Amino acid sequence: MNILPEKPINFREVRASLKLTLDVVESETGISTAYLSQIETGKIENPSYKTVALLNNYYFNKQVASK
């Protein structure tokens, strides 16, 4: 059973679709805007599992709440 998505998650696209700023994501997740930006631009190619899981859960919950 493969639990990985078929294509990589583009955190910038997800954040933009939810109309969230980096500052809002930082204040609600504790992940700095600088680090978020580096993840979104690919400067950090392999963020930690913990960071990816946190962002996945955060954006998923925001998507559910917006429906």
Protein backbone atom coordinates (compact mmCIF):
# COMPACT_ATOMS: atom_id res chain seq x y z
CA MET A 1 0.00 0.00 0.00
CA ASN A 2 1.48 3.33 -1.09
CA ILE A 3 0.57 6.21 1.22
CA LEU A 4 2.63 8.83 -0.60
CA PRO A 5 0.86 11.34 -2.84
CA GLU A 6 1.21 10.81 -6.60
CA LYS A 7 2.92 14.17 -6.97
CA PRO A 8 4.77 16.32 -4.44
CA ILE A 9 2.66 18.75 -2.45
CA ASN A 10 3.23 22.34 -3.51
CA PHE A 11 2.86 24.15 -0.20
CA ARG A 12 2.92 27.56 -1.86
CA GLU A 13 -0.04 26.66 -4.09
CA VAL A 14 -1.98 25.26 -1.16
CA ARG A 15 -1.26 28.33 0.99
CA ALA A 16 -2.23 30.68 -1.84
CA SER A 17 -5.46 28.79 -2.53
CA LEU A 18 -6.40 29.27 1.12
CA LYS A 19 -5.45 32.97 0.90
CA LEU A 20 -3.01 32.64 3.79
CA THR A 21 0.12 34.71 4.24
CA LEU A 22 3.41 33.35 5.48
CA ASP A 23 2.91 35.46 8.62
CA VAL A 24 -0.43 33.78 9.38
CA VAL A 25 1.02 30.30 8.86
CA GLU A 26 3.95 31.18 11.11
CA SER A 27 1.71 32.47 13.89
CA GLU A 28 -0.50 29.37 13.76
CA THR A 29 2.19 26.69 13.30
CA GLY A 30 5.30 28.15 14.91
CA ILE A 31 7.32 27.56 11.72
CA SER A 32 9.21 30.74 10.83
CA THR A 33 8.35 32.65 7.66
CA ALA A 34 11.96 32.30 6.50
CA TYR A 35 11.86 28.50 6.83
CA LEU A 36 8.41 28.28 5.19
CA SER A 37 9.64 30.39 2.29
CA GLN A 38 12.71 28.19 1.85
CA ILE A 39 10.53 25.09 1.78
CA GLU A 40 8.17 26.68 -0.76
CA THR A 41 10.99 27.78 -3.06
CA GLY A 42 12.83 24.49 -2.87
CA LYS A 43 15.88 25.86 -1.10
CA ILE A 44 15.21 23.24 1.56
CA GLU A 45 14.71 20.09 -0.46
CA ASN A 46 14.11 17.65 2.39
CA PRO A 47 12.36 19.26 5.35
CA SER A 48 11.91 17.03 8.37
CA TYR A 49 9.03 14.60 8.54
CA LYS A 50 7.71 16.50 11.56
CA THR A 51 7.59 19.79 9.63
CA VAL A 52 5.92 18.22 6.58
CA ALA A 53 3.37 16.43 8.78
CA LEU A 54 2.62 19.64 10.67
CA LEU A 55 2.07 21.59 7.44
CA ASN A 56 -0.01 18.80 5.89
CA ASN A 57 -2.28 18.66 8.93
CA TYR A 58 -2.50 22.44 9.20
CA TYR A 59 -3.45 22.95 5.54
CA PHE A 60 -5.83 19.96 5.55
CA ASN A 61 -7.67 21.36 8.58
CA LYS A 62 -7.84 24.81 6.96
CA GLN A 63 -9.28 23.27 3.78
CA VAL A 64 -11.91 21.33 5.73
CA ALA A 65 -12.85 24.40 7.76
CA SER A 66 -13.26 26.53 4.63
CA LYS A 67 -15.87 24.19 3.11
